[in-house]
Structures are given as structure tokens and as C-alpha cells.
Amino acid sequence: MSAINRVCIITKRELRSYFATPLAYIFLSVFALLSGFLTFELGSFFRREQADLMSFFTFHPWLYLVLMPPLAMRLWAEERQTGTIELLMTLPITTLDAVLGKFLAAWLFSGLALLATIPIWWTVNYLGQPDNGVIVAAYVGSWLMGGSFLALGGFLSALTKNQIIAFVLSLMVSLGFLLLGFAPVASSLQSLLPQALAELLISMSFLTHFQAIARGVLDLRDVGFFVIFIASWLLATVAVVDWKRAE
């Protein structure tokens, strides 16, 4: 059996587990409802009188900060807590297969949550003539950012069998990666640290790269950041899972 087939089997297994309980439908509903509320109420969509979705995508980093850690915390912590990780690792798969399969399932599930917001896109097209190319780019950037939250959260989930600890760790570390690009924090870093180090830290922020993509520019540097970020944390997760198995 090829590596791709093994990963697909794990991905399907994990996706089915999401929909085995009502939690999946609750998550999708909450994501869609919160997106609509933030866009039309807090984002002042109608008062802005502009045919775009900036008020929609502006809140995505903060929406993911709240909703992705609960999704990520179960990736490994739940397996370790219930003892099913031993059963999983007895299958004829590698650790990399398991890590990729579980991550892809969570990432695809987050993609379904994004698809649930398509009516908001239809609304702006009904009311005006937006630049749909910019919107598509922003959706791509949002999904990549969601994958980054999940890859980081999956790594932190692999460190513990306590889902609450995994959630708190994911929330705090993810917040750190967001705030690195927050204007007041970026200004403080530039005033306190050497310029090269400050710029390096700021460049690692989700906000910095997502905001660039959300403006409609799919720059390879921004896309590459998210791809490398995801790959790095997935490899780190493989190392942690192997280390925990060897204990």
C-alpha cells in the first residue's frame, strides 16, 4: 500500500469521527453564524457601503484563534487520553502517515467551515460588484492560515494527553503568533530589539502574511510562509509522537 493510500485511509477515518457526534455540526454552525455576525454587525458591512468582504476577512485571524484550538486539541491529546493511540500506531502505517492524515482531516473540516460562509459571498455579489479575484485570494489565504493554526495546535496537542492543557497551550502560542504582527506589538519590538531581529519576529506573524493575501495579492513569500510553517510543525509533531512512543 502506497503512502498516499495510507494517508487517505487515516484522513477518511478522522473525518468520519468528526461527524460521528453532533459536535461537528455545532462547530460548522457556530463558525458560519459568528462569521455573519462579525461581518454584518461588528464589521459595519452595510454602513461601509463598499462591495467587498474586508469586514468579513478582517475577523478571521481572531475567529480562528477561538475556534481552531478546540479542533486541534483533540488531534493527539484525545488519542492519548482514551488510549486509542496504541491501536492507531499498531496499524501498518508510519508516524508521518498518521500525522498527515489527522492534520488533513482537520484542515479539510476547517475548509468545510469556510464553505459554509459562501452565502456571505453571494450576498456581497447580490448587493454590488466586488472584485471576486480578491475574494478568492482571501479565501485561499484564510484556509492556509487555518492550516497553520491546526499544525501548531496539533504539535502542542501531541505534547500532552490532557485536552484542556492542549487547548490552553494552543490558544496562548497562537495568540503570540498573531500579536507579533499587531501594530502596537510590532512597534514595541522595533523599539526594543535590533531591527533585523524585530523584522524576523514580525515576519512570523499570521497577521502580517494573511493581511497581504486578503488584499488580493497571492505573493509567493506569503503563501510560502504558511506552507513552510505548516510543514515545519507537522515534522515537529512526528518527532514528538515518536518520542512519546519511545518513553
C-alpha atoms as a PDB file:
ATOM      1  CA  MET A   1       0.000   0.000   0.000  1.00  0.00           C
ATOM      2  CA  SER A   2       1.413   3.387  -1.033  1.00  0.00           C
ATOM      3  CA  ALA A   3       1.986   6.251   1.399  1.00  0.00           C
ATOM      4  CA  ILE A   4      -0.765   8.281  -0.305  1.00  0.00           C
ATOM      5  CA  ASN A   5      -3.286   5.480   0.217  1.00  0.00           C
ATOM      6  CA  ARG A   6      -2.295   5.120   3.876  1.00  0.00           C
ATOM      7  CA  VAL A   7      -2.693   8.863   4.454  1.00  0.00           C
ATOM      8  CA  CYS A   8      -6.072   8.841   2.696  1.00  0.00           C
ATOM      9  CA  ILE A   9      -7.289   5.995   4.919  1.00  0.00           C
ATOM     10  CA  ILE A  10      -6.318   7.904   8.081  1.00  0.00           C
ATOM     11  CA  THR A  11      -7.887  11.103   6.706  1.00  0.00           C
ATOM     12  CA  LYS A  12     -11.182   9.344   5.972  1.00  0.00           C
ATOM     13  CA  ARG A  13     -11.134   7.710   9.404  1.00  0.00           C
ATOM     14  CA  GLU A  14     -10.651  11.045  11.125  1.00  0.00           C
ATOM     15  CA  LEU A  15     -13.260  12.848   9.015  1.00  0.00           C
ATOM     16  CA  ARG A  16     -15.843  10.194   9.836  1.00  0.00           C
ATOM     17  CA  SER A  17     -15.059  10.602  13.532  1.00  0.00           C
ATOM     18  CA  TYR A  18     -15.879  14.322  13.315  1.00  0.00           C
ATOM     19  CA  PHE A  19     -19.375  13.604  12.077  1.00  0.00           C
ATOM     20  CA  ALA A  20     -19.982  10.721  14.482  1.00  0.00           C
ATOM     21  CA  THR A  21     -21.211  13.246  17.060  1.00  0.00           C
ATOM     22  CA  PRO A  22     -23.269  16.459  16.837  1.00  0.00           C
ATOM     23  CA  LEU A  23     -20.149  18.484  17.699  1.00  0.00           C
ATOM     24  CA  ALA A  24     -19.159  18.729  14.034  1.00  0.00           C
ATOM     25  CA  TYR A  25     -22.474  20.275  13.067  1.00  0.00           C
ATOM     26  CA  ILE A  26     -22.345  22.601  16.074  1.00  0.00           C
ATOM     27  CA  PHE A  27     -18.851  23.747  15.090  1.00  0.00           C
ATOM     28  CA  LEU A  28     -19.867  24.401  11.473  1.00  0.00           C
ATOM     29  CA  SER A  29     -22.983  26.282  12.572  1.00  0.00           C
ATOM     30  CA  VAL A  30     -21.120  28.388  15.125  1.00  0.00           C
ATOM     31  CA  PHE A  31     -18.410  29.228  12.586  1.00  0.00           C
ATOM     32  CA  ALA A  32     -20.948  30.348   9.985  1.00  0.00           C
ATOM     33  CA  LEU A  33     -23.091  32.308  12.469  1.00  0.00           C
ATOM     34  CA  LEU A  34     -20.122  34.040  14.093  1.00  0.00           C
ATOM     35  CA  SER A  35     -18.726  34.926  10.670  1.00  0.00           C
ATOM     36  CA  GLY A  36     -22.017  36.506   9.683  1.00  0.00           C
ATOM     37  CA  PHE A  37     -22.403  38.384  12.960  1.00  0.00           C
ATOM     38  CA  LEU A  38     -18.846  39.746  12.877  1.00  0.00           C
ATOM     39  CA  THR A  39     -19.198  40.770   9.228  1.00  0.00           C
ATOM     40  CA  PHE A  40     -22.578  42.459   9.290  1.00  0.00           C
ATOM     41  CA  GLU A  41     -22.679  43.778  12.846  1.00  0.00           C
ATOM     42  CA  LEU A  42     -19.196  44.455  14.202  1.00  0.00           C
ATOM     43  CA  GLY A  43     -17.729  44.870  10.728  1.00  0.00           C
ATOM     44  CA  SER A  44     -20.327  47.504   9.765  1.00  0.00           C
ATOM     45  CA  PHE A  45     -20.785  45.865   6.379  1.00  0.00           C
ATOM     46  CA  PHE A  46     -23.837  47.895   5.340  1.00  0.00           C
ATOM     47  CA  ARG A  47     -22.636  51.203   6.792  1.00  0.00           C
ATOM     48  CA  ARG A  48     -19.375  50.941   4.871  1.00  0.00           C
ATOM     49  CA  GLU A  49     -21.339  50.807   1.577  1.00  0.00           C
ATOM     50  CA  GLN A  50     -18.498  49.033  -0.207  1.00  0.00           C
ATOM     51  CA  ALA A  51     -18.855  45.880  -2.281  1.00  0.00           C
ATOM     52  CA  ASP A  52     -16.060  43.846  -0.713  1.00  0.00           C
ATOM     53  CA  LEU A  53     -15.529  41.345   2.067  1.00  0.00           C
ATOM     54  CA  MET A  54     -12.804  43.093   4.034  1.00  0.00           C
ATOM     55  CA  SER A  55     -15.138  43.296   7.037  1.00  0.00           C
ATOM     56  CA  PHE A  56     -15.511  39.508   6.732  1.00  0.00           C
ATOM     57  CA  PHE A  57     -11.852  38.543   6.441  1.00  0.00           C
ATOM     58  CA  THR A  58     -10.603  41.094   8.988  1.00  0.00           C
ATOM     59  CA  PHE A  59     -12.017  38.963  11.792  1.00  0.00           C
ATOM     60  CA  HIS A  60     -10.743  35.598  10.527  1.00  0.00           C
ATOM     61  CA  PRO A  61      -7.466  35.559  12.485  1.00  0.00           C
ATOM     62  CA  TRP A  62      -9.347  36.207  15.728  1.00  0.00           C
ATOM     63  CA  LEU A  63     -12.132  33.790  14.825  1.00  0.00           C
ATOM     64  CA  TYR A  64      -9.540  31.077  14.218  1.00  0.00           C
ATOM     65  CA  LEU A  65      -7.824  31.938  17.491  1.00  0.00           C
ATOM     66  CA  VAL A  66     -11.034  30.981  19.311  1.00  0.00           C
ATOM     67  CA  LEU A  67     -12.246  28.067  17.175  1.00  0.00           C
ATOM     68  CA  MET A  68      -9.124  26.273  15.941  1.00  0.00           C
ATOM     69  CA  PRO A  69      -7.616  25.307  19.335  1.00  0.00           C
ATOM     70  CA  PRO A  70     -10.698  23.204  20.263  1.00  0.00           C
ATOM     71  CA  LEU A  71     -10.370  21.454  16.901  1.00  0.00           C
ATOM     72  CA  ALA A  72      -6.622  20.935  17.262  1.00  0.00           C
ATOM     73  CA  MET A  73      -6.600  19.818  20.901  1.00  0.00           C
ATOM     74  CA  ARG A  74      -8.300  16.517  20.085  1.00  0.00           C
ATOM     75  CA  LEU A  75      -5.855  15.536  17.330  1.00  0.00           C
ATOM     76  CA  TRP A  76      -3.462  13.751  19.691  1.00  0.00           C
ATOM     77  CA  ALA A  77      -4.438  14.567  23.275  1.00  0.00           C
ATOM     78  CA  GLU A  78      -7.744  12.723  22.890  1.00  0.00           C
ATOM     79  CA  GLU A  79      -5.994   9.696  21.384  1.00  0.00           C
ATOM     80  CA  ARG A  80      -3.558   9.603  24.304  1.00  0.00           C
ATOM     81  CA  GLN A  81      -6.288  10.190  26.902  1.00  0.00           C
ATOM     82  CA  THR A  82      -8.518   7.378  25.607  1.00  0.00           C
ATOM     83  CA  GLY A  83      -5.615   5.042  24.855  1.00  0.00           C
ATOM     84  CA  THR A  84      -6.608   4.643  21.215  1.00  0.00           C
ATOM     85  CA  ILE A  85      -3.221   5.946  20.087  1.00  0.00           C
ATOM     86  CA  GLU A  86      -1.747   2.498  20.781  1.00  0.00           C
ATOM     87  CA  LEU A  87      -4.349   0.932  18.495  1.00  0.00           C
ATOM     88  CA  LEU A  88      -3.705   3.569  15.823  1.00  0.00           C
ATOM     89  CA  MET A  89       0.039   3.009  15.849  1.00  0.00           C
ATOM     90  CA  THR A  90      -0.337  -0.785  15.538  1.00  0.00           C
ATOM     91  CA  LEU A  91      -1.758  -0.262  12.056  1.00  0.00           C
ATOM     92  CA  PRO A  92       0.636  -0.751   9.111  1.00  0.00           C
ATOM     93  CA  ILE A  93       1.341   2.981   8.862  1.00  0.00           C
ATOM     94  CA  THR A  94       4.223   5.273   9.690  1.00  0.00           C
ATOM     95  CA  THR A  95       4.090   8.115  12.201  1.00  0.00           C
ATOM     96  CA  LEU A  96       4.248  10.563   9.298  1.00  0.00           C
ATOM     97  CA  ASP A  97       1.205   8.883   7.723  1.00  0.00           C
ATOM     98  CA  ALA A  98      -0.756   9.312  10.953  1.00  0.00           C
ATOM     99  CA  VAL A  99       0.293  12.933  11.450  1.00  0.00           C
ATOM    100  CA  LEU A 100      -0.523  13.883   7.858  1.00  0.00           C
ATOM    101  CA  GLY A 101      -3.832  12.028   7.867  1.00  0.00           C
ATOM    102  CA  LYS A 102      -5.044  13.583  11.113  1.00  0.00           C
ATOM    103  CA  PHE A 103      -3.925  17.050  10.059  1.00  0.00           C
ATOM    104  CA  LEU A 104      -5.515  16.803   6.603  1.00  0.00           C
ATOM    105  CA  ALA A 105      -8.806  15.676   8.128  1.00  0.00           C
ATOM    106  CA  ALA A 106      -8.860  18.689  10.454  1.00  0.00           C
ATOM    107  CA  TRP A 107      -7.791  21.024   7.650  1.00  0.00           C
ATOM    108  CA  LEU A 108     -10.476  19.706   5.296  1.00  0.00           C
ATOM    109  CA  PHE A 109     -13.024  20.069   8.077  1.00  0.00           C
ATOM    110  CA  SER A 110     -11.981  23.694   8.543  1.00  0.00           C
ATOM    111  CA  GLY A 111     -12.384  24.062   4.775  1.00  0.00           C
ATOM    112  CA  LEU A 112     -15.994  22.898   5.129  1.00  0.00           C
ATOM    113  CA  ALA A 113     -16.481  25.608   7.731  1.00  0.00           C
ATOM    114  CA  LEU A 114     -15.198  28.165   5.229  1.00  0.00           C
ATOM    115  CA  LEU A 115     -17.544  26.811   2.557  1.00  0.00           C
ATOM    116  CA  ALA A 116     -20.421  27.338   4.991  1.00  0.00           C
ATOM    117  CA  THR A 117     -19.739  31.086   4.697  1.00  0.00           C
ATOM    118  CA  ILE A 118     -20.289  31.139   0.919  1.00  0.00           C
ATOM    119  CA  PRO A 119     -23.753  32.787   1.376  1.00  0.00           C
ATOM    120  CA  ILE A 120     -21.909  35.871   2.674  1.00  0.00           C
ATOM    121  CA  TRP A 121     -20.008  35.972  -0.638  1.00  0.00           C
ATOM    122  CA  TRP A 122     -23.289  35.604  -2.535  1.00  0.00           C
ATOM    123  CA  THR A 123     -24.725  38.486  -0.533  1.00  0.00           C
ATOM    124  CA  VAL A 124     -21.980  40.918  -1.492  1.00  0.00           C
ATOM    125  CA  ASN A 125     -22.332  39.895  -5.156  1.00  0.00           C
ATOM    126  CA  TYR A 126     -26.088  40.458  -4.955  1.00  0.00           C
ATOM    127  CA  LEU A 127     -25.622  43.915  -3.461  1.00  0.00           C
ATOM    128  CA  GLY A 128     -22.757  45.092  -5.656  1.00  0.00           C
ATOM    129  CA  GLN A 129     -19.939  44.160  -7.985  1.00  0.00           C
ATOM    130  CA  PRO A 130     -16.987  43.072  -5.845  1.00  0.00           C
ATOM    131  CA  ASP A 131     -13.581  42.013  -7.134  1.00  0.00           C
ATOM    132  CA  ASN A 132     -14.123  38.264  -6.860  1.00  0.00           C
ATOM    133  CA  GLY A 133     -10.473  37.585  -7.617  1.00  0.00           C
ATOM    134  CA  VAL A 134      -9.525  39.374  -4.402  1.00  0.00           C
ATOM    135  CA  ILE A 135     -12.157  37.396  -2.504  1.00  0.00           C
ATOM    136  CA  VAL A 136     -10.877  34.068  -3.862  1.00  0.00           C
ATOM    137  CA  ALA A 137      -7.317  35.020  -2.867  1.00  0.00           C
ATOM    138  CA  ALA A 138      -8.526  35.927   0.624  1.00  0.00           C
ATOM    139  CA  TYR A 139     -10.335  32.601   0.962  1.00  0.00           C
ATOM    140  CA  VAL A 140      -7.143  30.772  -0.040  1.00  0.00           C
ATOM    141  CA  GLY A 141      -5.155  32.818   2.455  1.00  0.00           C
ATOM    142  CA  SER A 142      -7.723  32.156   5.167  1.00  0.00           C
ATOM    143  CA  TRP A 143      -7.567  28.399   4.594  1.00  0.00           C
ATOM    144  CA  LEU A 144      -3.767  28.442   4.662  1.00  0.00           C
ATOM    145  CA  MET A 145      -3.853  30.428   7.905  1.00  0.00           C
ATOM    146  CA  GLY A 146      -6.343  27.943   9.351  1.00  0.00           C
ATOM    147  CA  GLY A 147      -3.939  25.141   8.450  1.00  0.00           C
ATOM    148  CA  SER A 148      -1.165  26.965  10.283  1.00  0.00           C
ATOM    149  CA  PHE A 149      -3.285  27.224  13.430  1.00  0.00           C
ATOM    150  CA  LEU A 150      -4.058  23.500  13.191  1.00  0.00           C
ATOM    151  CA  ALA A 151      -0.464  22.400  12.519  1.00  0.00           C
ATOM    152  CA  LEU A 152       0.741  24.391  15.528  1.00  0.00           C
ATOM    153  CA  GLY A 153      -2.154  23.183  17.686  1.00  0.00           C
ATOM    154  CA  GLY A 154      -1.567  19.578  16.619  1.00  0.00           C
ATOM    155  CA  PHE A 155       2.052  19.791  17.751  1.00  0.00           C
ATOM    156  CA  LEU A 156       1.014  21.161  21.143  1.00  0.00           C
ATOM    157  CA  SER A 157      -1.701  18.503  21.405  1.00  0.00           C
ATOM    158  CA  ALA A 158       0.944  15.806  20.906  1.00  0.00           C
ATOM    159  CA  LEU A 159       2.840  17.073  23.948  1.00  0.00           C
ATOM    160  CA  THR A 160       0.105  16.138  26.436  1.00  0.00           C
ATOM    161  CA  LYS A 161      -2.791  13.764  26.959  1.00  0.00           C
ATOM    162  CA  ASN A 162      -4.844  16.454  28.700  1.00  0.00           C
ATOM    163  CA  GLN A 163      -7.110  18.190  26.193  1.00  0.00           C
ATOM    164  CA  ILE A 164      -7.602  21.253  28.398  1.00  0.00           C
ATOM    165  CA  ILE A 165      -3.853  21.787  28.650  1.00  0.00           C
ATOM    166  CA  ALA A 166      -3.572  21.276  24.885  1.00  0.00           C
ATOM    167  CA  PHE A 167      -6.312  23.875  24.349  1.00  0.00           C
ATOM    168  CA  VAL A 168      -4.707  26.472  26.629  1.00  0.00           C
ATOM    169  CA  LEU A 169      -1.252  25.951  25.104  1.00  0.00           C
ATOM    170  CA  SER A 170      -2.641  26.234  21.586  1.00  0.00           C
ATOM    171  CA  LEU A 171      -4.593  29.362  22.466  1.00  0.00           C
ATOM    172  CA  MET A 172      -1.633  31.126  24.089  1.00  0.00           C
ATOM    173  CA  VAL A 173       1.004  30.220  21.499  1.00  0.00           C
ATOM    174  CA  SER A 174      -1.335  31.002  18.591  1.00  0.00           C
ATOM    175  CA  LEU A 175      -2.114  34.367  20.187  1.00  0.00           C
ATOM    176  CA  GLY A 176       1.615  35.033  20.297  1.00  0.00           C
ATOM    177  CA  PHE A 177       1.974  34.380  16.564  1.00  0.00           C
ATOM    178  CA  LEU A 178      -0.938  36.723  15.904  1.00  0.00           C
ATOM    179  CA  LEU A 179       0.251  39.551  18.122  1.00  0.00           C
ATOM    180  CA  LEU A 180       3.691  39.607  16.514  1.00  0.00           C
ATOM    181  CA  GLY A 181       2.032  41.384  13.584  1.00  0.00           C
ATOM    182  CA  PHE A 182      -0.293  43.568  15.678  1.00  0.00           C
ATOM    183  CA  ALA A 183       0.724  47.197  15.144  1.00  0.00           C
ATOM    184  CA  PRO A 184       1.357  48.171  18.806  1.00  0.00           C
ATOM    185  CA  VAL A 185       3.329  44.973  19.446  1.00  0.00           C
ATOM    186  CA  ALA A 186       5.301  45.362  16.208  1.00  0.00           C
ATOM    187  CA  SER A 187       6.184  48.946  17.159  1.00  0.00           C
ATOM    188  CA  SER A 188       7.352  47.825  20.602  1.00  0.00           C
ATOM    189  CA  LEU A 189       9.506  45.075  19.102  1.00  0.00           C
ATOM    190  CA  GLN A 190      11.108  47.549  16.703  1.00  0.00           C
ATOM    191  CA  SER A 191      11.929  49.929  19.536  1.00  0.00           C
ATOM    192  CA  LEU A 192      13.241  47.279  21.941  1.00  0.00           C
ATOM    193  CA  LEU A 193      15.090  44.856  19.670  1.00  0.00           C
ATOM    194  CA  PRO A 194      17.698  45.120  16.920  1.00  0.00           C
ATOM    195  CA  GLN A 195      15.995  45.875  13.629  1.00  0.00           C
ATOM    196  CA  ALA A 196      16.881  42.549  11.989  1.00  0.00           C
ATOM    197  CA  LEU A 197      15.530  40.513  14.917  1.00  0.00           C
ATOM    198  CA  ALA A 198      12.388  42.639  15.191  1.00  0.00           C
ATOM    199  CA  GLU A 199      11.659  42.249  11.478  1.00  0.00           C
ATOM    200  CA  LEU A 200      12.240  38.500  11.713  1.00  0.00           C
ATOM    201  CA  LEU A 201       9.722  38.157  14.544  1.00  0.00           C
ATOM    202  CA  ILE A 202       7.159  40.370  12.818  1.00  0.00           C
ATOM    203  CA  SER A 203       7.559  38.352   9.629  1.00  0.00           C
ATOM    204  CA  MET A 204       6.494  35.220  11.542  1.00  0.00           C
ATOM    205  CA  SER A 205       3.081  36.657  12.354  1.00  0.00           C
ATOM    206  CA  PHE A 206      -0.055  35.163  10.826  1.00  0.00           C
ATOM    207  CA  LEU A 207      -1.494  38.673  10.602  1.00  0.00           C
ATOM    208  CA  THR A 208       1.371  40.047   8.510  1.00  0.00           C
ATOM    209  CA  HIS A 209       1.021  37.418   5.795  1.00  0.00           C
ATOM    210  CA  PHE A 210      -2.750  36.971   5.842  1.00  0.00           C
ATOM    211  CA  GLN A 211      -3.466  40.683   5.556  1.00  0.00           C
ATOM    212  CA  ALA A 212      -1.227  40.848   2.486  1.00  0.00           C
ATOM    213  CA  ILE A 213      -3.107  37.956   0.835  1.00  0.00           C
ATOM    214  CA  ALA A 214      -6.508  39.353   1.880  1.00  0.00           C
ATOM    215  CA  ARG A 215      -5.745  42.456  -0.171  1.00  0.00           C
ATOM    216  CA  GLY A 216      -5.757  40.185  -3.230  1.00  0.00           C
ATOM    217  CA  VAL A 217      -2.033  39.660  -3.689  1.00  0.00           C
ATOM    218  CA  LEU A 218      -1.050  35.980  -3.680  1.00  0.00           C
ATOM    219  CA  ASP A 219       2.637  36.681  -3.164  1.00  0.00           C
ATOM    220  CA  LEU A 220       4.806  33.554  -3.101  1.00  0.00           C
ATOM    221  CA  ARG A 221       6.501  34.840   0.053  1.00  0.00           C
ATOM    222  CA  ASP A 222       3.211  34.900   1.938  1.00  0.00           C
ATOM    223  CA  VAL A 223       1.971  31.574   0.572  1.00  0.00           C
ATOM    224  CA  GLY A 224       5.416  30.078   1.145  1.00  0.00           C
ATOM    225  CA  PHE A 225       5.406  31.239   4.760  1.00  0.00           C
ATOM    226  CA  PHE A 226       2.203  29.354   5.532  1.00  0.00           C
ATOM    227  CA  VAL A 227       3.322  26.233   3.621  1.00  0.00           C
ATOM    228  CA  ILE A 228       6.704  26.156   5.386  1.00  0.00           C
ATOM    229  CA  PHE A 229       5.078  26.917   8.754  1.00  0.00           C
ATOM    230  CA  ILE A 230       2.640  24.020   8.339  1.00  0.00           C
ATOM    231  CA  ALA A 231       5.332  21.596   7.145  1.00  0.00           C
ATOM    232  CA  SER A 232       7.697  22.545   9.974  1.00  0.00           C
ATOM    233  CA  TRP A 233       5.150  21.966  12.730  1.00  0.00           C
ATOM    234  CA  LEU A 234       3.976  18.706  11.149  1.00  0.00           C
ATOM    235  CA  LEU A 235       7.556  17.405  11.154  1.00  0.00           C
ATOM    236  CA  ALA A 236       7.911  18.562  14.759  1.00  0.00           C
ATOM    237  CA  THR A 237       4.727  16.645  15.592  1.00  0.00           C
ATOM    238  CA  VAL A 238       6.172  13.491  14.032  1.00  0.00           C
ATOM    239  CA  ALA A 239       9.246  13.867  16.249  1.00  0.00           C
ATOM    240  CA  VAL A 240       7.122  14.367  19.390  1.00  0.00           C
ATOM    241  CA  VAL A 241       4.841  11.395  18.663  1.00  0.00           C
ATOM    242  CA  ASP A 242       7.872   9.143  18.083  1.00  0.00           C
ATOM    243  CA  TRP A 243       9.465  10.442  21.285  1.00  0.00           C
ATOM    244  CA  LYS A 244       6.303   9.771  23.292  1.00  0.00           C
ATOM    245  CA  ARG A 245       6.049   6.253  21.863  1.00  0.00           C
ATOM    246  CA  ALA A 246       9.627   5.530  22.912  1.00  0.00           C
ATOM    247  CA  GLU A 247       9.007   6.563  26.537  1.00  0.00           C
END
